[in-house]
Amino acid sequence: MAAGRASRRSASAAIAVAADTGEVASSGEGRAAGEDLAGEIVAASLVRRRRWSSRHRQGRDGGSAALEVALMVPVVLVFLVVCASAYTALFTKLDCVDAAGTAARAVARGEPVPDLGKDAEVAVVRDGDLVRVTVRMRVPAPMPSGFTVQQEAVAMAEPPVTVLP
């Protein structure tokens, strides 16, 4: 029994040496102890795999994970600001379209221009039977100041209504 253990140890040592060099021991040492060549190949690959994973777990990445996170945080923040800016500009444009249509219909009926908010600039131009209303609105933060959206609406002027006594 002791002789079998000694031969198995020598076979394991041969496998470890083979794993270090990258070669598979093909001598009959393992077969004499009752092991076959396939067992040696599996054992050599396990030794090699254990050695790689133990080196990997030691944290020798040199801080590359922290560097990747440090580089991605500003990129993600810029992306979020751009998305918020686009969202704000889109809904300001929709408000501007609605305000221009409302103002054009009111002026076409002969009513005064309704209050469209403090940031809205309204320009009314009469061109014969047509009423052209242009509305400009400043887009609020996070967009840079001075960024505006504009919409023009046109309506046909309605004839005045006469009331009979």
C-alpha atoms as a PDB file:
ATOM      1  CA  MET A   1       0.000   0.000   0.000  1.00  0.00           C
ATOM      2  CA  ALA A   2       2.846   2.370   0.848  1.00  0.00           C
ATOM      3  CA  ALA A   3       4.446   1.594  -2.493  1.00  0.00           C
ATOM      4  CA  GLY A   4       1.226   2.580  -4.272  1.00  0.00           C
ATOM      5  CA  ARG A   5       1.121   5.915  -2.454  1.00  0.00           C
ATOM      6  CA  ALA A   6       4.740   6.619  -3.356  1.00  0.00           C
ATOM      7  CA  SER A   7       4.129   5.895  -7.009  1.00  0.00           C
ATOM      8  CA  ARG A   8       0.999   8.075  -6.981  1.00  0.00           C
ATOM      9  CA  ARG A   9       2.987  10.925  -5.441  1.00  0.00           C
ATOM     10  CA  SER A  10       5.648  10.592  -8.098  1.00  0.00           C
ATOM     11  CA  ALA A  11       2.912  10.591 -10.749  1.00  0.00           C
ATOM     12  CA  SER A  12       1.409  13.732  -9.179  1.00  0.00           C
ATOM     13  CA  ALA A  13       4.824  15.358  -9.164  1.00  0.00           C
ATOM     14  CA  ALA A  14       5.234  14.459 -12.826  1.00  0.00           C
ATOM     15  CA  ILE A  15       1.828  15.965 -13.554  1.00  0.00           C
ATOM     16  CA  ALA A  16       2.740  19.169 -11.702  1.00  0.00           C
ATOM     17  CA  VAL A  17       6.009  19.428 -13.656  1.00  0.00           C
ATOM     18  CA  ALA A  18       4.126  18.764 -16.878  1.00  0.00           C
ATOM     19  CA  ALA A  19       1.600  21.488 -15.976  1.00  0.00           C
ATOM     20  CA  ASP A  20       4.424  23.986 -15.404  1.00  0.00           C
ATOM     21  CA  THR A  21       6.006  23.282 -18.756  1.00  0.00           C
ATOM     22  CA  GLY A  22       2.707  22.985 -20.589  1.00  0.00           C
ATOM     23  CA  GLU A  23       3.348  19.428 -21.646  1.00  0.00           C
ATOM     24  CA  VAL A  24       1.504  16.263 -20.706  1.00  0.00           C
ATOM     25  CA  ALA A  25       3.586  13.480 -19.244  1.00  0.00           C
ATOM     26  CA  SER A  26       3.237  10.498 -21.523  1.00  0.00           C
ATOM     27  CA  SER A  27       5.473   8.106 -19.653  1.00  0.00           C
ATOM     28  CA  GLY A  28       4.031   5.009 -18.103  1.00  0.00           C
ATOM     29  CA  GLU A  29       4.546   6.234 -14.508  1.00  0.00           C
ATOM     30  CA  GLY A  30       0.866   6.979 -13.982  1.00  0.00           C
ATOM     31  CA  ARG A  31      -0.231   3.760 -15.615  1.00  0.00           C
ATOM     32  CA  ALA A  32       1.946   1.694 -13.287  1.00  0.00           C
ATOM     33  CA  ALA A  33       0.045   3.097 -10.321  1.00  0.00           C
ATOM     34  CA  GLY A  34      -3.308   2.314 -11.937  1.00  0.00           C
ATOM     35  CA  GLU A  35      -3.933   5.706 -13.501  1.00  0.00           C
ATOM     36  CA  ASP A  36      -4.412   6.157 -17.214  1.00  0.00           C
ATOM     37  CA  LEU A  37      -3.240   8.914 -19.507  1.00  0.00           C
ATOM     38  CA  ALA A  38      -6.645  10.640 -19.506  1.00  0.00           C
ATOM     39  CA  GLY A  39      -6.490  10.995 -15.718  1.00  0.00           C
ATOM     40  CA  GLU A  40      -3.092  12.647 -16.001  1.00  0.00           C
ATOM     41  CA  ILE A  41      -4.411  15.127 -18.581  1.00  0.00           C
ATOM     42  CA  VAL A  42      -7.397  16.048 -16.406  1.00  0.00           C
ATOM     43  CA  ALA A  43      -5.186  16.427 -13.321  1.00  0.00           C
ATOM     44  CA  ALA A  44      -2.705  18.599 -15.252  1.00  0.00           C
ATOM     45  CA  SER A  45      -5.496  20.869 -16.467  1.00  0.00           C
ATOM     46  CA  LEU A  46      -6.871  21.188 -12.938  1.00  0.00           C
ATOM     47  CA  VAL A  47      -3.448  22.158 -11.605  1.00  0.00           C
ATOM     48  CA  ARG A  48      -3.097  24.747 -14.358  1.00  0.00           C
ATOM     49  CA  ARG A  49      -6.623  26.095 -13.751  1.00  0.00           C
ATOM     50  CA  ARG A  50      -6.087  26.397  -9.997  1.00  0.00           C
ATOM     51  CA  ARG A  51      -2.855  28.266 -10.506  1.00  0.00           C
ATOM     52  CA  TRP A  52      -4.472  30.807 -12.876  1.00  0.00           C
ATOM     53  CA  SER A  53      -7.494  31.439 -10.667  1.00  0.00           C
ATOM     54  CA  SER A  54      -5.340  31.916  -7.575  1.00  0.00           C
ATOM     55  CA  ARG A  55      -3.260  34.546  -9.392  1.00  0.00           C
ATOM     56  CA  HIS A  56      -6.407  36.213 -10.627  1.00  0.00           C
ATOM     57  CA  ARG A  57      -7.927  36.414  -7.151  1.00  0.00           C
ATOM     58  CA  GLN A  58      -4.905  38.233  -5.749  1.00  0.00           C
ATOM     59  CA  GLY A  59      -6.152  41.490  -7.268  1.00  0.00           C
ATOM     60  CA  ARG A  60      -3.297  42.198  -9.632  1.00  0.00           C
ATOM     61  CA  ASP A  61      -5.494  44.157 -12.020  1.00  0.00           C
ATOM     62  CA  GLY A  62      -3.562  47.319 -11.225  1.00  0.00           C
ATOM     63  CA  GLY A  63      -6.699  49.347 -10.447  1.00  0.00           C
ATOM     64  CA  SER A  64      -8.115  49.020 -13.938  1.00  0.00           C
ATOM     65  CA  ALA A  65     -11.641  48.476 -12.601  1.00  0.00           C
ATOM     66  CA  ALA A  66     -11.490  51.713 -10.622  1.00  0.00           C
ATOM     67  CA  LEU A  67     -10.146  53.519 -13.671  1.00  0.00           C
ATOM     68  CA  GLU A  68     -12.964  52.196 -15.848  1.00  0.00           C
ATOM     69  CA  VAL A  69     -15.558  53.384 -13.341  1.00  0.00           C
ATOM     70  CA  ALA A  70     -13.853  56.763 -13.019  1.00  0.00           C
ATOM     71  CA  LEU A  71     -13.966  57.206 -16.788  1.00  0.00           C
ATOM     72  CA  MET A  72     -17.552  56.025 -17.181  1.00  0.00           C
ATOM     73  CA  VAL A  73     -19.136  58.247 -14.507  1.00  0.00           C
ATOM     74  CA  PRO A  74     -18.606  61.522 -16.445  1.00  0.00           C
ATOM     75  CA  VAL A  75     -19.763  59.872 -19.676  1.00  0.00           C
ATOM     76  CA  VAL A  76     -22.974  58.683 -18.024  1.00  0.00           C
ATOM     77  CA  LEU A  77     -23.559  62.117 -16.450  1.00  0.00           C
ATOM     78  CA  VAL A  78     -23.091  63.902 -19.784  1.00  0.00           C
ATOM     79  CA  PHE A  79     -25.481  61.424 -21.411  1.00  0.00           C
ATOM     80  CA  LEU A  80     -28.108  62.105 -18.728  1.00  0.00           C
ATOM     81  CA  VAL A  81     -27.767  65.890 -19.125  1.00  0.00           C
ATOM     82  CA  VAL A  82     -28.130  65.585 -22.905  1.00  0.00           C
ATOM     83  CA  CYS A  83     -31.232  63.404 -22.470  1.00  0.00           C
ATOM     84  CA  ALA A  84     -32.755  65.868 -19.979  1.00  0.00           C
ATOM     85  CA  SER A  85     -31.997  68.767 -22.335  1.00  0.00           C
ATOM     86  CA  ALA A  86     -33.601  67.021 -25.291  1.00  0.00           C
ATOM     87  CA  TYR A  87     -36.654  66.161 -23.174  1.00  0.00           C
ATOM     88  CA  THR A  88     -37.001  69.783 -22.024  1.00  0.00           C
ATOM     89  CA  ALA A  89     -36.558  71.175 -25.554  1.00  0.00           C
ATOM     90  CA  LEU A  90     -39.118  68.736 -26.969  1.00  0.00           C
ATOM     91  CA  PHE A  91     -41.816  69.637 -24.478  1.00  0.00           C
ATOM     92  CA  THR A  92     -41.093  73.353 -24.787  1.00  0.00           C
ATOM     93  CA  LYS A  93     -41.553  72.976 -28.558  1.00  0.00           C
ATOM     94  CA  LEU A  94     -44.893  71.210 -27.976  1.00  0.00           C
ATOM     95  CA  ASP A  95     -46.007  74.048 -25.667  1.00  0.00           C
ATOM     96  CA  CYS A  96     -44.960  76.559 -28.327  1.00  0.00           C
ATOM     97  CA  VAL A  97     -46.984  74.770 -31.027  1.00  0.00           C
ATOM     98  CA  ASP A  98     -50.058  74.721 -28.801  1.00  0.00           C
ATOM     99  CA  ALA A  99     -49.644  78.393 -27.839  1.00  0.00           C
ATOM    100  CA  ALA A 100     -49.235  79.511 -31.472  1.00  0.00           C
ATOM    101  CA  GLY A 101     -52.400  77.675 -32.545  1.00  0.00           C
ATOM    102  CA  THR A 102     -54.387  79.088 -29.626  1.00  0.00           C
ATOM    103  CA  ALA A 103     -53.189  82.645 -30.304  1.00  0.00           C
ATOM    104  CA  ALA A 104     -53.889  82.402 -34.057  1.00  0.00           C
ATOM    105  CA  ARG A 105     -57.467  81.203 -33.474  1.00  0.00           C
ATOM    106  CA  ALA A 106     -58.110  83.940 -30.889  1.00  0.00           C
ATOM    107  CA  VAL A 107     -56.783  86.733 -33.129  1.00  0.00           C
ATOM    108  CA  ALA A 108     -58.732  85.353 -36.126  1.00  0.00           C
ATOM    109  CA  ARG A 109     -61.973  85.659 -34.096  1.00  0.00           C
ATOM    110  CA  GLY A 110     -61.122  89.276 -33.227  1.00  0.00           C
ATOM    111  CA  GLU A 111     -60.152  88.569 -29.601  1.00  0.00           C
ATOM    112  CA  PRO A 112     -56.968  89.811 -27.953  1.00  0.00           C
ATOM    113  CA  VAL A 113     -53.914  87.537 -27.755  1.00  0.00           C
ATOM    114  CA  PRO A 114     -54.283  85.287 -24.693  1.00  0.00           C
ATOM    115  CA  ASP A 115     -51.624  85.152 -21.981  1.00  0.00           C
ATOM    116  CA  LEU A 116     -49.159  82.472 -23.076  1.00  0.00           C
ATOM    117  CA  GLY A 117     -46.732  82.640 -20.164  1.00  0.00           C
ATOM    118  CA  LYS A 118     -43.899  84.861 -19.094  1.00  0.00           C
ATOM    119  CA  ASP A 119     -41.305  83.324 -21.448  1.00  0.00           C
ATOM    120  CA  ALA A 120     -43.425  83.564 -24.600  1.00  0.00           C
ATOM    121  CA  GLU A 121     -42.856  86.293 -27.191  1.00  0.00           C
ATOM    122  CA  VAL A 122     -45.795  86.739 -29.569  1.00  0.00           C
ATOM    123  CA  ALA A 123     -45.749  88.508 -32.952  1.00  0.00           C
ATOM    124  CA  VAL A 124     -49.026  88.978 -34.885  1.00  0.00           C
ATOM    125  CA  VAL A 125     -49.083  89.884 -38.585  1.00  0.00           C
ATOM    126  CA  ARG A 126     -52.298  90.425 -40.597  1.00  0.00           C
ATOM    127  CA  ASP A 127     -51.993  89.613 -44.270  1.00  0.00           C
ATOM    128  CA  GLY A 128     -55.366  90.238 -45.907  1.00  0.00           C
ATOM    129  CA  ASP A 129     -57.735  87.564 -44.613  1.00  0.00           C
ATOM    130  CA  LEU A 130     -54.889  85.608 -42.963  1.00  0.00           C
ATOM    131  CA  VAL A 131     -53.565  86.062 -39.465  1.00  0.00           C
ATOM    132  CA  ARG A 132     -49.987  84.876 -38.845  1.00  0.00           C
ATOM    133  CA  VAL A 133     -48.911  84.401 -35.254  1.00  0.00           C
ATOM    134  CA  THR A 134     -45.300  83.590 -34.374  1.00  0.00           C
ATOM    135  CA  VAL A 135     -44.518  82.433 -30.835  1.00  0.00           C
ATOM    136  CA  ARG A 136     -40.975  82.147 -29.427  1.00  0.00           C
ATOM    137  CA  MET A 137     -40.248  80.490 -26.097  1.00  0.00           C
ATOM    138  CA  ARG A 138     -36.994  80.188 -24.214  1.00  0.00           C
ATOM    139  CA  VAL A 139     -36.084  76.622 -23.267  1.00  0.00           C
ATOM    140  CA  PRO A 140     -35.470  76.395 -19.497  1.00  0.00           C
ATOM    141  CA  ALA A 141     -32.400  74.791 -17.901  1.00  0.00           C
ATOM    142  CA  PRO A 142     -30.440  72.506 -18.388  1.00  0.00           C
ATOM    143  CA  MET A 143     -30.109  73.992 -21.894  1.00  0.00           C
ATOM    144  CA  PRO A 144     -27.691  76.896 -22.313  1.00  0.00           C
ATOM    145  CA  SER A 145     -29.285  80.311 -21.965  1.00  0.00           C
ATOM    146  CA  GLY A 146     -30.454  81.897 -25.180  1.00  0.00           C
ATOM    147  CA  PHE A 147     -31.738  78.651 -26.707  1.00  0.00           C
ATOM    148  CA  THR A 148     -35.260  79.257 -28.003  1.00  0.00           C
ATOM    149  CA  VAL A 149     -37.902  77.383 -29.964  1.00  0.00           C
ATOM    150  CA  GLN A 150     -40.255  79.042 -32.430  1.00  0.00           C
ATOM    151  CA  GLN A 151     -43.546  78.127 -34.048  1.00  0.00           C
ATOM    152  CA  GLU A 152     -45.771  79.923 -36.525  1.00  0.00           C
ATOM    153  CA  ALA A 153     -49.519  79.359 -36.926  1.00  0.00           C
ATOM    154  CA  VAL A 154     -51.818  80.761 -39.593  1.00  0.00           C
ATOM    155  CA  ALA A 155     -55.597  81.171 -39.385  1.00  0.00           C
ATOM    156  CA  MET A 156     -58.227  82.653 -41.658  1.00  0.00           C
ATOM    157  CA  ALA A 157     -59.759  85.812 -40.193  1.00  0.00           C
ATOM    158  CA  GLU A 158     -63.442  85.419 -39.475  1.00  0.00           C
ATOM    159  CA  PRO A 159     -65.811  88.122 -40.661  1.00  0.00           C
ATOM    160  CA  PRO A 160     -67.250  90.264 -37.908  1.00  0.00           C
ATOM    161  CA  VAL A 161     -70.597  89.117 -36.564  1.00  0.00           C
ATOM    162  CA  THR A 162     -73.436  91.605 -36.828  1.00  0.00           C
ATOM    163  CA  VAL A 163     -76.137  91.470 -34.266  1.00  0.00           C
ATOM    164  CA  LEU A 164     -79.614  92.352 -35.517  1.00  0.00           C
ATOM    165  CA  PRO A 165     -81.974  94.167 -33.139  1.00  0.00           C
END
